[in-house]
Amino acid sequence: MKQEEVMQVFRNYFNYIKRPGAADLLQWIEANGFFEAPASKRHHGAKPGGLAEHSINVCRRLIQMNAEEERRQQSLKYDLETLAICGLLHDLCKIDAYRKAEFEGITEYQLTRNFPAGHGEKSVILILQFMHLTQEEILAIRWHMGQYDFYARGGGYDVDNAFHQCKLAVMLHLADMMATHFDEREEAKE
């Protein structure tokens, strides 16, 4: 997708977010390079605009997963606002996480280590500067890396506890993995 197209699709999903402060958050996102940022250093979405594309892919997967769970359980799980918040903003921490660098004639992304608050934590902190999050949204965004989170690899049980208490956290983790390994890995082969 072209950058203008990505921006429009992102804004369309972001329109589901009606909370006070959401418009200011979107303005901050646009002013701080979200639509130019990569999603990773060298893996999925390691290109300008990769972060926005990844966020859209996660949001789509999360909405699909929620619809499947609603059909399976015959009850409403999560509203579109919550799904848009989690899907679009789970990696807000990456807005300034990478910079382009030249190394032996090769251009690649390097970590900036700006505001080293932790991956999920940083996203939550950035969002909370603009708008309220529910406890489930906080847990989902905080633990969306699942077992790949540095703190979970250290042997703590917090990710297991979060997944037990908050199905949204499990769903966001799975949506993130599906977007990363199914939707975006295919792009790399093209």
N, C-alpha and C. Protein backbone atom coordinates (compact mmCIF):
# COMPACT_ATOMS: atom_id res chain seq x y z
N MET A 1 0.84 -1.19 0.00
CA MET A 1 0.00 0.00 0.00
C MET A 1 0.88 1.24 0.00
N LYS A 2 0.39 2.27 -0.64
CA LYS A 2 1.07 3.55 -0.63
C LYS A 2 0.83 4.25 0.70
N GLN A 3 1.73 5.16 1.06
CA GLN A 3 1.65 5.81 2.36
C GLN A 3 0.31 6.52 2.56
N GLU A 4 -0.18 7.20 1.56
CA GLU A 4 -1.46 7.90 1.70
C GLU A 4 -2.59 6.92 1.97
N GLU A 5 -2.54 5.79 1.30
CA GLU A 5 -3.55 4.74 1.49
C GLU A 5 -3.47 4.16 2.90
N VAL A 6 -2.25 3.90 3.37
CA VAL A 6 -2.04 3.38 4.72
C VAL A 6 -2.58 4.37 5.74
N MET A 7 -2.27 5.64 5.55
CA MET A 7 -2.73 6.67 6.48
C MET A 7 -4.25 6.71 6.52
N GLN A 8 -4.90 6.57 5.38
CA GLN A 8 -6.36 6.62 5.34
C GLN A 8 -6.99 5.41 6.02
N VAL A 9 -6.43 4.23 5.76
CA VAL A 9 -6.96 3.02 6.40
C VAL A 9 -6.77 3.12 7.92
N PHE A 10 -5.60 3.58 8.36
CA PHE A 10 -5.34 3.75 9.79
C PHE A 10 -6.36 4.71 10.39
N ARG A 11 -6.56 5.85 9.75
CA ARG A 11 -7.53 6.84 10.25
C ARG A 11 -8.95 6.26 10.29
N ASN A 12 -9.31 5.46 9.29
CA ASN A 12 -10.64 4.84 9.29
C ASN A 12 -10.84 3.96 10.51
N TYR A 13 -9.85 3.14 10.84
CA TYR A 13 -9.94 2.32 12.06
C TYR A 13 -9.89 3.20 13.31
N PHE A 14 -9.05 4.23 13.28
CA PHE A 14 -8.91 5.12 14.44
C PHE A 14 -10.22 5.84 14.74
N ASN A 15 -11.06 6.03 13.74
CA ASN A 15 -12.37 6.69 13.93
C ASN A 15 -13.27 5.94 14.91
N TYR A 16 -12.99 4.67 15.15
CA TYR A 16 -13.75 3.92 16.16
C TYR A 16 -13.46 4.41 17.58
N ILE A 17 -12.34 5.10 17.75
CA ILE A 17 -11.91 5.56 19.08
C ILE A 17 -12.53 6.93 19.32
N LYS A 18 -13.46 6.99 20.28
CA LYS A 18 -14.23 8.21 20.56
C LYS A 18 -13.88 8.85 21.90
N ARG A 19 -12.93 8.33 22.62
CA ARG A 19 -12.64 8.83 23.97
C ARG A 19 -12.05 10.23 23.94
N PRO A 20 -12.29 10.97 25.01
CA PRO A 20 -11.65 12.28 25.13
C PRO A 20 -10.13 12.11 25.04
N GLY A 21 -9.51 12.93 24.23
CA GLY A 21 -8.07 12.89 24.04
C GLY A 21 -7.64 12.13 22.80
N ALA A 22 -8.53 11.37 22.19
CA ALA A 22 -8.17 10.56 21.02
C ALA A 22 -7.71 11.43 19.85
N ALA A 23 -8.38 12.54 19.61
CA ALA A 23 -8.00 13.42 18.51
C ALA A 23 -6.60 14.00 18.74
N ASP A 24 -6.31 14.36 19.98
CA ASP A 24 -4.97 14.87 20.30
C ASP A 24 -3.92 13.78 20.12
N LEU A 25 -4.25 12.56 20.50
CA LEU A 25 -3.33 11.44 20.31
C LEU A 25 -3.05 11.22 18.83
N LEU A 26 -4.07 11.23 18.00
CA LEU A 26 -3.88 11.05 16.56
C LEU A 26 -3.00 12.17 15.99
N GLN A 27 -3.23 13.37 16.42
CA GLN A 27 -2.42 14.50 15.97
C GLN A 27 -0.95 14.30 16.38
N TRP A 28 -0.73 13.84 17.61
CA TRP A 28 0.64 13.57 18.08
C TRP A 28 1.28 12.46 17.27
N ILE A 29 0.52 11.40 16.99
CA ILE A 29 1.01 10.28 16.19
C ILE A 29 1.48 10.78 14.83
N GLU A 30 0.65 11.58 14.19
CA GLU A 30 0.99 12.08 12.86
C GLU A 30 2.20 13.01 12.89
N ALA A 31 2.32 13.82 13.93
CA ALA A 31 3.41 14.80 14.03
C ALA A 31 4.74 14.17 14.42
N ASN A 32 4.71 12.96 14.97
CA ASN A 32 5.93 12.35 15.48
C ASN A 32 6.44 11.18 14.66
N GLY A 33 6.01 11.06 13.42
CA GLY A 33 6.63 10.12 12.50
C GLY A 33 6.11 8.69 12.52
N PHE A 34 4.94 8.47 13.09
CA PHE A 34 4.38 7.11 13.13
C PHE A 34 4.25 6.52 11.74
N PHE A 35 3.82 7.30 10.77
CA PHE A 35 3.56 6.78 9.43
C PHE A 35 4.82 6.59 8.60
N GLU A 36 5.95 7.03 9.11
CA GLU A 36 7.23 6.81 8.45
C GLU A 36 8.06 5.75 9.16
N ALA A 37 7.69 5.39 10.38
CA ALA A 37 8.49 4.49 11.21
C ALA A 37 8.40 3.05 10.74
N PRO A 38 9.49 2.28 10.92
CA PRO A 38 9.44 0.84 10.63
C PRO A 38 8.81 0.09 11.80
N ALA A 39 8.38 -1.14 11.56
CA ALA A 39 7.83 -1.97 12.61
C ALA A 39 8.90 -2.75 13.35
N SER A 40 10.04 -2.94 12.72
CA SER A 40 11.12 -3.68 13.36
C SER A 40 12.45 -3.28 12.74
N LYS A 41 13.49 -3.77 13.35
CA LYS A 41 14.85 -3.45 12.89
C LYS A 41 15.17 -4.15 11.58
N ARG A 42 14.84 -5.44 11.48
CA ARG A 42 15.19 -6.16 10.26
C ARG A 42 14.20 -7.27 9.90
N HIS A 43 13.13 -7.40 10.65
CA HIS A 43 12.19 -8.48 10.40
C HIS A 43 10.93 -7.94 9.72
N HIS A 44 9.77 -8.19 10.27
CA HIS A 44 8.52 -7.75 9.66
C HIS A 44 8.44 -6.23 9.64
N GLY A 45 8.00 -5.68 8.51
CA GLY A 45 7.78 -4.25 8.41
C GLY A 45 9.02 -3.40 8.60
N ALA A 46 10.18 -3.91 8.26
CA ALA A 46 11.44 -3.17 8.42
C ALA A 46 11.63 -2.24 7.23
N LYS A 47 10.71 -1.28 7.13
CA LYS A 47 10.73 -0.33 6.03
C LYS A 47 9.97 0.91 6.48
N PRO A 48 10.19 2.01 5.82
CA PRO A 48 9.40 3.20 6.16
C PRO A 48 7.91 2.91 6.01
N GLY A 49 7.14 3.24 7.03
CA GLY A 49 5.70 2.99 7.01
C GLY A 49 5.30 1.61 7.52
N GLY A 50 6.28 0.78 7.85
CA GLY A 50 6.00 -0.58 8.30
C GLY A 50 5.23 -0.63 9.61
N LEU A 51 5.46 0.34 10.49
CA LEU A 51 4.75 0.35 11.77
C LEU A 51 3.25 0.57 11.57
N ALA A 52 2.89 1.49 10.71
CA ALA A 52 1.47 1.75 10.45
C ALA A 52 0.82 0.54 9.79
N GLU A 53 1.50 -0.06 8.81
CA GLU A 53 0.95 -1.24 8.14
C GLU A 53 0.77 -2.39 9.14
N HIS A 54 1.76 -2.60 10.00
CA HIS A 54 1.67 -3.66 11.01
C HIS A 54 0.49 -3.40 11.95
N SER A 55 0.34 -2.17 12.38
CA SER A 55 -0.75 -1.82 13.30
C SER A 55 -2.11 -2.09 12.66
N ILE A 56 -2.25 -1.77 11.40
CA ILE A 56 -3.49 -2.05 10.67
C ILE A 56 -3.72 -3.56 10.60
N ASN A 57 -2.67 -4.31 10.27
CA ASN A 57 -2.80 -5.77 10.18
C ASN A 57 -3.22 -6.39 11.51
N VAL A 58 -2.64 -5.90 12.61
CA VAL A 58 -3.00 -6.41 13.93
C VAL A 58 -4.45 -6.06 14.25
N CYS A 59 -4.84 -4.85 13.94
CA CYS A 59 -6.22 -4.42 14.19
C CYS A 59 -7.20 -5.30 13.41
N ARG A 60 -6.92 -5.54 12.15
CA ARG A 60 -7.79 -6.41 11.33
C ARG A 60 -7.89 -7.81 11.92
N ARG A 61 -6.75 -8.38 12.28
CA ARG A 61 -6.73 -9.72 12.86
C ARG A 61 -7.51 -9.77 14.17
N LEU A 62 -7.35 -8.73 14.99
CA LEU A 62 -8.04 -8.67 16.27
C LEU A 62 -9.55 -8.58 16.08
N ILE A 63 -9.99 -7.79 15.13
CA ILE A 63 -11.42 -7.67 14.83
C ILE A 63 -11.97 -9.01 14.33
N GLN A 64 -11.22 -9.68 13.46
CA GLN A 64 -11.64 -11.00 12.96
C GLN A 64 -11.73 -12.02 14.09
N MET A 65 -10.72 -12.03 14.93
CA MET A 65 -10.69 -12.97 16.04
C MET A 65 -11.85 -12.72 17.00
N ASN A 66 -12.13 -11.47 17.28
CA ASN A 66 -13.25 -11.11 18.15
C ASN A 66 -14.58 -11.59 17.56
N ALA A 67 -14.76 -11.41 16.25
CA ALA A 67 -15.98 -11.85 15.58
C ALA A 67 -16.13 -13.37 15.67
N GLU A 68 -15.03 -14.08 15.50
CA GLU A 68 -15.06 -15.55 15.62
C GLU A 68 -15.45 -15.97 17.03
N GLU A 69 -14.91 -15.30 18.03
CA GLU A 69 -15.24 -15.62 19.42
C GLU A 69 -16.70 -15.28 19.73
N GLU A 70 -17.20 -14.19 19.17
CA GLU A 70 -18.61 -13.85 19.36
C GLU A 70 -19.51 -14.92 18.79
N ARG A 71 -19.19 -15.42 17.59
CA ARG A 71 -19.99 -16.49 16.98
C ARG A 71 -19.91 -17.77 17.81
N ARG A 72 -18.73 -18.09 18.26
CA ARG A 72 -18.51 -19.32 19.02
C ARG A 72 -19.22 -19.28 20.37
N GLN A 73 -19.15 -18.15 21.06
CA GLN A 73 -19.72 -18.05 22.40
C GLN A 73 -21.11 -17.43 22.43
N GLN A 74 -21.60 -16.96 21.29
CA GLN A 74 -22.92 -16.34 21.19
C GLN A 74 -23.07 -15.14 22.13
N SER A 75 -21.99 -14.41 22.34
CA SER A 75 -22.08 -13.20 23.16
C SER A 75 -21.02 -12.20 22.70
N LEU A 76 -21.29 -10.94 22.98
CA LEU A 76 -20.38 -9.87 22.62
C LEU A 76 -19.13 -9.94 23.47
N LYS A 77 -17.98 -9.90 22.84
CA LYS A 77 -16.72 -9.91 23.58
C LYS A 77 -16.26 -8.46 23.80
N TYR A 78 -15.71 -7.83 22.77
CA TYR A 78 -15.14 -6.49 22.91
C TYR A 78 -15.70 -5.58 21.82
N ASP A 79 -15.87 -4.31 22.17
CA ASP A 79 -16.40 -3.36 21.19
C ASP A 79 -15.28 -2.89 20.25
N LEU A 80 -15.69 -2.28 19.15
CA LEU A 80 -14.72 -1.86 18.14
C LEU A 80 -13.75 -0.81 18.66
N GLU A 81 -14.18 0.01 19.60
CA GLU A 81 -13.28 1.01 20.17
C GLU A 81 -12.10 0.33 20.87
N THR A 82 -12.38 -0.62 21.72
CA THR A 82 -11.33 -1.34 22.44
C THR A 82 -10.42 -2.08 21.46
N LEU A 83 -11.00 -2.71 20.46
CA LEU A 83 -10.21 -3.45 19.48
C LEU A 83 -9.31 -2.50 18.68
N ALA A 84 -9.82 -1.34 18.31
CA ALA A 84 -9.02 -0.35 17.57
C ALA A 84 -7.89 0.19 18.45
N ILE A 85 -8.19 0.48 19.70
CA ILE A 85 -7.16 0.98 20.62
C ILE A 85 -6.03 -0.04 20.72
N CYS A 86 -6.37 -1.27 21.01
CA CYS A 86 -5.34 -2.30 21.20
C CYS A 86 -4.61 -2.63 19.91
N GLY A 87 -5.35 -2.82 18.84
CA GLY A 87 -4.73 -3.18 17.58
C GLY A 87 -3.85 -2.09 16.99
N LEU A 88 -4.35 -0.88 16.98
CA LEU A 88 -3.61 0.22 16.35
C LEU A 88 -2.49 0.77 17.21
N LEU A 89 -2.64 0.70 18.53
CA LEU A 89 -1.71 1.41 19.41
C LEU A 89 -0.79 0.50 20.22
N HIS A 90 -0.88 -0.80 20.06
CA HIS A 90 -0.07 -1.72 20.88
C HIS A 90 1.43 -1.49 20.72
N ASP A 91 1.87 -1.05 19.56
CA ASP A 91 3.30 -0.81 19.31
C ASP A 91 3.63 0.67 19.19
N LEU A 92 2.85 1.51 19.83
CA LEU A 92 3.13 2.95 19.79
C LEU A 92 4.54 3.23 20.30
N CYS A 93 5.06 2.36 21.13
CA CYS A 93 6.42 2.49 21.66
C CYS A 93 7.47 2.55 20.57
N LYS A 94 7.16 2.08 19.38
CA LYS A 94 8.13 2.05 18.28
C LYS A 94 8.17 3.34 17.46
N ILE A 95 7.39 4.32 17.85
CA ILE A 95 7.30 5.55 17.07
C ILE A 95 8.68 6.21 16.92
N ASP A 96 9.53 6.06 17.94
CA ASP A 96 10.88 6.64 17.88
C ASP A 96 11.95 5.59 18.21
N ALA A 97 11.63 4.33 18.01
CA ALA A 97 12.52 3.25 18.44
C ALA A 97 13.68 2.97 17.49
N TYR A 98 13.57 3.37 16.24
CA TYR A 98 14.59 3.04 15.26
C TYR A 98 15.03 4.27 14.48
N ARG A 99 16.29 4.26 14.08
CA ARG A 99 16.79 5.29 13.18
C ARG A 99 17.62 4.59 12.11
N LYS A 100 17.64 5.20 10.94
CA LYS A 100 18.44 4.64 9.85
C LYS A 100 19.92 4.90 10.12
N ALA A 101 20.72 3.90 9.78
CA ALA A 101 22.17 4.03 9.95
C ALA A 101 22.87 3.33 8.79
N GLU A 102 24.01 3.87 8.41
CA GLU A 102 24.84 3.27 7.37
C GLU A 102 25.91 2.42 8.04
N PHE A 103 26.07 1.20 7.58
CA PHE A 103 27.11 0.33 8.11
C PHE A 103 27.74 -0.42 6.93
N GLU A 104 28.97 -0.10 6.63
CA GLU A 104 29.70 -0.71 5.52
C GLU A 104 28.90 -0.67 4.23
N GLY A 105 28.33 0.48 3.95
CA GLY A 105 27.58 0.68 2.71
C GLY A 105 26.16 0.13 2.72
N ILE A 106 25.73 -0.43 3.84
CA ILE A 106 24.38 -0.98 3.94
C ILE A 106 23.56 -0.11 4.89
N THR A 107 22.38 0.26 4.43
CA THR A 107 21.47 1.04 5.28
C THR A 107 20.59 0.07 6.06
N GLU A 108 20.55 0.26 7.36
CA GLU A 108 19.69 -0.56 8.20
C GLU A 108 19.17 0.28 9.36
N TYR A 109 18.23 -0.27 10.10
CA TYR A 109 17.69 0.40 11.27
C TYR A 109 18.43 -0.05 12.52
N GLN A 110 18.68 0.91 13.40
CA GLN A 110 19.28 0.62 14.69
C GLN A 110 18.35 1.12 15.79
N LEU A 111 18.39 0.44 16.94
CA LEU A 111 17.59 0.87 18.08
C LEU A 111 18.10 2.21 18.61
N THR A 112 17.17 3.07 18.99
CA THR A 112 17.56 4.36 19.55
C THR A 112 17.66 4.31 21.06
N ARG A 113 16.93 3.40 21.67
CA ARG A 113 16.86 3.26 23.12
C ARG A 113 16.30 4.53 23.79
N ASN A 114 15.45 5.24 23.08
CA ASN A 114 14.76 6.40 23.66
C ASN A 114 13.73 5.92 24.67
N PHE A 115 13.69 6.53 25.81
CA PHE A 115 12.71 6.24 26.86
C PHE A 115 12.59 4.73 27.10
N PRO A 116 13.62 4.11 27.67
CA PRO A 116 13.64 2.66 27.85
C PRO A 116 12.76 2.19 29.00
N ALA A 117 11.46 2.24 28.79
CA ALA A 117 10.50 1.87 29.83
C ALA A 117 9.97 0.45 29.65
N GLY A 118 10.43 -0.25 28.64
CA GLY A 118 9.87 -1.56 28.34
C GLY A 118 8.90 -1.43 27.17
N HIS A 119 8.77 -2.47 26.41
CA HIS A 119 8.00 -2.45 25.16
C HIS A 119 6.52 -2.12 25.39
N GLY A 120 5.81 -3.01 26.04
CA GLY A 120 4.38 -2.78 26.28
C GLY A 120 4.13 -1.62 27.22
N GLU A 121 4.99 -1.49 28.23
CA GLU A 121 4.83 -0.41 29.20
C GLU A 121 4.90 0.95 28.53
N LYS A 122 5.88 1.11 27.63
CA LYS A 122 6.06 2.39 26.96
C LYS A 122 4.82 2.75 26.14
N SER A 123 4.26 1.77 25.45
CA SER A 123 3.04 2.05 24.67
C SER A 123 1.91 2.51 25.59
N VAL A 124 1.71 1.82 26.69
CA VAL A 124 0.66 2.20 27.65
C VAL A 124 0.90 3.61 28.17
N ILE A 125 2.13 3.91 28.55
CA ILE A 125 2.46 5.23 29.09
C ILE A 125 2.19 6.32 28.07
N LEU A 126 2.59 6.10 26.84
CA LEU A 126 2.36 7.11 25.78
C LEU A 126 0.86 7.34 25.57
N ILE A 127 0.08 6.29 25.51
CA ILE A 127 -1.36 6.42 25.30
C ILE A 127 -2.00 7.16 26.46
N LEU A 128 -1.63 6.79 27.69
CA LEU A 128 -2.24 7.40 28.88
C LEU A 128 -1.95 8.89 29.00
N GLN A 129 -0.97 9.39 28.29
CA GLN A 129 -0.72 10.82 28.29
C GLN A 129 -1.81 11.59 27.55
N PHE A 130 -2.62 10.85 26.77
CA PHE A 130 -3.66 11.49 25.97
C PHE A 130 -5.07 11.05 26.34
N MET A 131 -5.25 9.78 26.67
CA MET A 131 -6.60 9.29 26.93
C MET A 131 -6.59 8.13 27.93
N HIS A 132 -7.74 7.88 28.49
CA HIS A 132 -7.95 6.81 29.46
C HIS A 132 -7.92 5.45 28.78
N LEU A 133 -7.41 4.45 29.48
CA LEU A 133 -7.47 3.06 29.05
C LEU A 133 -8.15 2.25 30.15
N THR A 134 -8.90 1.23 29.75
CA THR A 134 -9.47 0.32 30.74
C THR A 134 -8.37 -0.60 31.25
N GLN A 135 -8.64 -1.30 32.35
CA GLN A 135 -7.65 -2.24 32.87
C GLN A 135 -7.35 -3.35 31.86
N GLU A 136 -8.38 -3.82 31.18
CA GLU A 136 -8.15 -4.87 30.17
C GLU A 136 -7.29 -4.36 29.03
N GLU A 137 -7.52 -3.15 28.58
CA GLU A 137 -6.70 -2.58 27.51
C GLU A 137 -5.25 -2.43 27.95
N ILE A 138 -5.06 -2.00 29.20
CA ILE A 138 -3.70 -1.87 29.73
C ILE A 138 -3.02 -3.23 29.76
N LEU A 139 -3.69 -4.25 30.29
CA LEU A 139 -3.09 -5.58 30.34
C LEU A 139 -2.80 -6.12 28.94
N ALA A 140 -3.72 -5.92 28.02
CA ALA A 140 -3.53 -6.43 26.66
C ALA A 140 -2.32 -5.78 26.00
N ILE A 141 -2.24 -4.47 26.06
CA ILE A 141 -1.12 -3.77 25.42
C ILE A 141 0.18 -4.08 26.15
N ARG A 142 0.15 -4.07 27.47
CA ARG A 142 1.36 -4.36 28.24
C ARG A 142 1.92 -5.74 27.93
N TRP A 143 1.07 -6.74 27.79
CA TRP A 143 1.53 -8.12 27.63
C TRP A 143 1.36 -8.66 26.22
N HIS A 144 1.22 -7.79 25.21
CA HIS A 144 0.99 -8.29 23.86
C HIS A 144 2.17 -9.10 23.30
N MET A 145 3.33 -8.96 23.88
CA MET A 145 4.49 -9.75 23.41
C MET A 145 4.48 -11.18 23.96
N GLY A 146 3.60 -11.45 24.92
CA GLY A 146 3.49 -12.80 25.47
C GLY A 146 4.81 -13.31 25.99
N GLN A 147 5.14 -14.54 25.65
CA GLN A 147 6.36 -15.16 26.14
C GLN A 147 7.62 -14.54 25.56
N TYR A 148 7.49 -13.68 24.56
CA TYR A 148 8.66 -13.01 23.98
C TYR A 148 9.04 -11.75 24.76
N ASP A 149 8.21 -11.35 25.69
CA ASP A 149 8.51 -10.19 26.52
C ASP A 149 9.72 -10.51 27.40
N PHE A 150 10.63 -9.58 27.49
CA PHE A 150 11.85 -9.77 28.27
C PHE A 150 11.56 -10.22 29.69
N TYR A 151 10.57 -9.62 30.34
CA TYR A 151 10.26 -9.95 31.72
C TYR A 151 9.65 -11.34 31.84
N ALA A 152 8.89 -11.77 30.86
CA ALA A 152 8.31 -13.12 30.88
C ALA A 152 9.41 -14.16 30.73
N ARG A 153 10.42 -13.86 29.93
CA ARG A 153 11.52 -14.81 29.73
C ARG A 153 12.35 -14.97 30.99
N GLY A 154 12.25 -14.01 31.90
CA GLY A 154 13.00 -14.07 33.14
C GLY A 154 12.41 -15.03 34.15
N GLY A 155 11.29 -15.64 33.86
CA GLY A 155 10.72 -16.65 34.74
C GLY A 155 9.55 -16.17 35.57
N GLY A 156 9.11 -14.92 35.37
CA GLY A 156 7.96 -14.43 36.11
C GLY A 156 6.67 -15.03 35.61
N TYR A 157 5.65 -14.94 36.43
CA TYR A 157 4.34 -15.49 36.08
C TYR A 157 3.34 -14.43 35.68
N ASP A 158 3.76 -13.18 35.58
CA ASP A 158 2.81 -12.11 35.29
C ASP A 158 2.11 -12.28 33.95
N VAL A 159 2.81 -12.74 32.92
CA VAL A 159 2.15 -12.91 31.62
C VAL A 159 1.08 -14.00 31.72
N ASP A 160 1.37 -15.07 32.43
CA ASP A 160 0.36 -16.13 32.61
C ASP A 160 -0.84 -15.60 33.38
N ASN A 161 -0.58 -14.83 34.42
CA ASN A 161 -1.67 -14.25 35.20
C ASN A 161 -2.48 -13.28 34.35
N ALA A 162 -1.80 -12.46 33.56
CA ALA A 162 -2.51 -11.51 32.68
C ALA A 162 -3.37 -12.26 31.66
N PHE A 163 -2.82 -13.31 31.05
CA PHE A 163 -3.57 -14.08 30.06
C PHE A 163 -4.75 -14.80 30.70
N HIS A 164 -4.60 -15.24 31.94
CA HIS A 164 -5.70 -15.91 32.64
C HIS A 164 -6.82 -14.91 32.96
N GLN A 165 -6.47 -13.71 33.37
CA GLN A 165 -7.45 -12.70 33.77
C GLN A 165 -8.04 -11.95 32.59
N CYS A 166 -7.32 -11.88 31.48
CA CYS A 166 -7.70 -10.96 30.40
C CYS A 166 -7.57 -11.65 29.04
N LYS A 167 -8.69 -12.12 28.53
CA LYS A 167 -8.68 -12.79 27.22
C LYS A 167 -8.29 -11.84 26.10
N LEU A 168 -8.53 -10.54 26.31
CA LEU A 168 -8.12 -9.54 25.31
C LEU A 168 -6.60 -9.56 25.15
N ALA A 169 -5.87 -9.79 26.23
CA ALA A 169 -4.41 -9.87 26.15
C ALA A 169 -3.98 -11.06 25.29
N VAL A 170 -4.64 -12.19 25.47
CA VAL A 170 -4.35 -13.37 24.65
C VAL A 170 -4.67 -13.08 23.19
N MET A 171 -5.83 -12.50 22.96
CA MET A 171 -6.25 -12.20 21.58
C MET A 171 -5.30 -11.23 20.90
N LEU A 172 -4.86 -10.19 21.61
CA LEU A 172 -3.94 -9.22 21.02
C LEU A 172 -2.60 -9.88 20.71
N HIS A 173 -2.12 -10.70 21.62
CA HIS A 173 -0.86 -11.42 21.37
C HIS A 173 -0.98 -12.28 20.11
N LEU A 174 -2.06 -13.03 20.00
CA LEU A 174 -2.24 -13.90 18.84
C LEU A 174 -2.41 -13.09 17.55
N ALA A 175 -3.16 -11.99 17.62
CA ALA A 175 -3.33 -11.13 16.44
C ALA A 175 -1.99 -10.55 16.00
N ASP A 176 -1.17 -10.16 16.96
CA ASP A 176 0.16 -9.63 16.67
C ASP A 176 1.03 -10.69 15.99
N MET A 177 1.00 -11.90 16.52
CA MET A 177 1.80 -12.98 15.93
C MET A 177 1.30 -13.33 14.52
N MET A 178 -0.02 -13.37 14.34
CA MET A 178 -0.57 -13.69 13.03
C MET A 178 -0.22 -12.61 12.01
N ALA A 179 -0.34 -11.36 12.40
CA ALA A 179 0.02 -10.27 11.49
C ALA A 179 1.50 -10.35 11.14
N THR A 180 2.32 -10.57 12.14
CA THR A 180 3.77 -10.63 11.94
C THR A 180 4.18 -11.80 11.07
N HIS A 181 3.70 -12.99 11.39
CA HIS A 181 4.20 -14.19 10.74
C HIS A 181 3.41 -14.64 9.53
N PHE A 182 2.15 -14.22 9.41
CA PHE A 182 1.36 -14.58 8.24
C PHE A 182 1.25 -13.43 7.25
N ASP A 183 0.82 -12.29 7.71
CA ASP A 183 0.55 -11.16 6.80
C ASP A 183 1.83 -10.48 6.31
N GLU A 184 2.77 -10.26 7.21
CA GLU A 184 3.93 -9.44 6.87
C GLU A 184 5.12 -10.25 6.40
N ARG A 185 5.24 -11.49 6.77
CA ARG A 185 6.35 -12.31 6.28
C ARG A 185 6.19 -12.58 4.78
N GLU A 186 4.94 -12.66 4.34
CA GLU A 186 4.67 -12.86 2.91
C GLU A 186 5.15 -11.67 2.10
N GLU A 187 5.01 -10.46 2.66
CA GLU A 187 5.45 -9.26 1.95
C GLU A 187 6.96 -9.32 1.71
N ALA A 188 7.69 -9.87 2.66
CA ALA A 188 9.15 -9.91 2.55
C ALA A 188 9.60 -10.80 1.39
N LYS A 189 8.76 -11.77 1.02
CA LYS A 189 9.13 -12.69 -0.08
C LYS A 189 8.94 -12.07 -1.45
N GLU A 190 8.17 -11.00 -1.53
CA GLU A 190 7.88 -10.39 -2.83
C GLU A 190 9.09 -9.71 -3.41
